[in-house]
C-alpha atoms as a PDB file:
ATOM      1  CA  MET A   1       0.078  -0.088   0.107  1.00  0.00           C
ATOM      2  CA  ILE A   2       1.097   3.591  -0.779  1.00  0.00           C
ATOM      3  CA  TYR A   3       0.224   6.287   1.678  1.00  0.00           C
ATOM      4  CA  THR A   4       0.797  10.018   0.646  1.00  0.00           C
ATOM      5  CA  PHE A   5       0.617  13.105   2.995  1.00  0.00           C
ATOM      6  CA  GLY A   6       0.738  16.718   2.450  1.00  0.00           C
ATOM      7  CA  CYS A   7      -1.158  19.953   1.625  1.00  0.00           C
ATOM      8  CA  SER A   8      -3.217  21.111  -1.283  1.00  0.00           C
ATOM      9  CA  MET A   9      -0.294  20.199  -3.746  1.00  0.00           C
ATOM     10  CA  THR A  10      -0.987  16.758  -2.806  1.00  0.00           C
ATOM     11  CA  LYS A  11      -4.718  16.658  -2.946  1.00  0.00           C
ATOM     12  CA  TRP A  12      -6.715  19.048  -5.158  1.00  0.00           C
ATOM     13  CA  TYR A  13      -9.383  19.338  -7.339  1.00  0.00           C
ATOM     14  CA  TRP A  14      -7.233  18.933 -10.232  1.00  0.00           C
ATOM     15  CA  PRO A  15      -4.624  15.580 -10.520  1.00  0.00           C
ATOM     16  CA  THR A  16      -1.664  15.983  -8.537  1.00  0.00           C
ATOM     17  CA  TRP A  17       1.781  13.960  -8.217  1.00  0.00           C
ATOM     18  CA  VAL A  18      -0.413  11.415  -6.265  1.00  0.00           C
ATOM     19  CA  ASP A  19      -2.132  10.281  -9.459  1.00  0.00           C
ATOM     20  CA  TRP A  20       1.268   9.313 -11.197  1.00  0.00           C
ATOM     21  CA  LEU A  21       1.556   6.609  -8.354  1.00  0.00           C
ATOM     22  CA  ARG A  22      -1.372   4.541  -9.361  1.00  0.00           C
ATOM     23  CA  LYS A  23       0.975   3.180 -12.159  1.00  0.00           C
ATOM     24  CA  TYR A  24       2.602   0.877  -9.702  1.00  0.00           C
ATOM     25  CA  ASP A  25      -0.485  -1.101  -9.533  1.00  0.00           C
ATOM     26  CA  GLN A  26      -0.804  -0.655  -5.940  1.00  0.00           C
ATOM     27  CA  PRO A  27      -3.351   0.908  -3.715  1.00  0.00           C
ATOM     28  CA  VAL A  28      -2.720   4.504  -2.960  1.00  0.00           C
ATOM     29  CA  VAL A  29      -4.307   6.076   0.185  1.00  0.00           C
ATOM     30  CA  ASN A  30      -3.974   9.971   0.062  1.00  0.00           C
ATOM     31  CA  LEU A  31      -4.223  11.476   3.291  1.00  0.00           C
ATOM     32  CA  ALA A  32      -3.481  14.863   2.399  1.00  0.00           C
ATOM     33  CA  ASN A  33      -5.556  17.875   3.234  1.00  0.00           C
ATOM     34  CA  LYS A  34      -6.069  21.528   1.830  1.00  0.00           C
ATOM     35  CA  GLY A  35      -4.573  23.754   4.084  1.00  0.00           C
ATOM     36  CA  TYR A  36      -2.243  21.326   6.185  1.00  0.00           C
ATOM     37  CA  GLY A  37       0.932  22.691   7.318  1.00  0.00           C
ATOM     38  CA  ASN A  38       3.826  20.505   8.630  1.00  0.00           C
ATOM     39  CA  GLN A  39       2.399  20.161  11.731  1.00  0.00           C
ATOM     40  CA  ASN A  40      -0.748  18.668  10.622  1.00  0.00           C
ATOM     41  CA  ILE A  41       1.106  16.579   8.362  1.00  0.00           C
ATOM     42  CA  TYR A  42       3.214  15.171  11.146  1.00  0.00           C
ATOM     43  CA  TRP A  43       0.393  14.445  13.456  1.00  0.00           C
ATOM     44  CA  ASN A  44      -1.365  12.929  10.626  1.00  0.00           C
ATOM     45  CA  LEU A  45       1.247  10.404   9.777  1.00  0.00           C
ATOM     46  CA  VAL A  46       1.783   9.431  13.699  1.00  0.00           C
ATOM     47  CA  ASN A  47      -1.999   8.763  13.621  1.00  0.00           C
ATOM     48  CA  ILE A  48      -1.847   6.079  11.205  1.00  0.00           C
ATOM     49  CA  SER A  49       1.856   4.686  12.113  1.00  0.00           C
ATOM     50  CA  ASP A  50       0.416   1.829  14.013  1.00  0.00           C
ATOM     51  CA  ARG A  51      -1.325   0.518  10.740  1.00  0.00           C
ATOM     52  CA  LEU A  52       1.978   0.916   8.396  1.00  0.00           C
ATOM     53  CA  THR A  53       3.669  -2.429   7.634  1.00  0.00           C
ATOM     54  CA  ALA A  54       7.246  -3.110   6.331  1.00  0.00           C
ATOM     55  CA  ASN A  55       5.755  -3.539   2.675  1.00  0.00           C
ATOM     56  CA  ASP A  56       4.097   0.012   2.855  1.00  0.00           C
ATOM     57  CA  THR A  57       5.327   2.937   1.173  1.00  0.00           C
ATOM     58  CA  VAL A  58       5.014   6.450   2.889  1.00  0.00           C
ATOM     59  CA  ASN A  59       5.344   9.728   0.522  1.00  0.00           C
ATOM     60  CA  ILE A  60       5.258  13.049   2.238  1.00  0.00           C
ATOM     61  CA  MET A  61       5.395  16.284   0.641  1.00  0.00           C
ATOM     62  CA  TRP A  62       6.082  18.983   3.119  1.00  0.00           C
ATOM     63  CA  ALA A  63       4.624  22.291   3.204  1.00  0.00           C
ATOM     64  CA  GLU A  64       6.939  25.562   3.239  1.00  0.00           C
ATOM     65  CA  ASN A  65       8.931  25.901   6.252  1.00  0.00           C
ATOM     66  CA  HIS A  66       6.920  29.101   7.389  1.00  0.00           C
ATOM     67  CA  ARG A  67       3.618  27.661   6.953  1.00  0.00           C
ATOM     68  CA  LEU A  68       1.624  27.883  10.244  1.00  0.00           C
ATOM     69  CA  ASP A  69      -1.169  25.698  11.489  1.00  0.00           C
ATOM     70  CA  LEU A  70      -3.818  27.728  12.811  1.00  0.00           C
END
């Protein structure tokens, strides 16, 4: 399984880089959200960490360093 995390550059109304991952013929779970900053991305990853296995792939697109989660 492929898990992706990020902000609107990862999940938006138009296709993003996550759509290219579907060519690997593995299930893709996009856990990104519009407006997420790095703190939200991190905690989203921590919340599912107990479900990850050695066969899973995690792809993270971090937000800008100065982006604040309010």
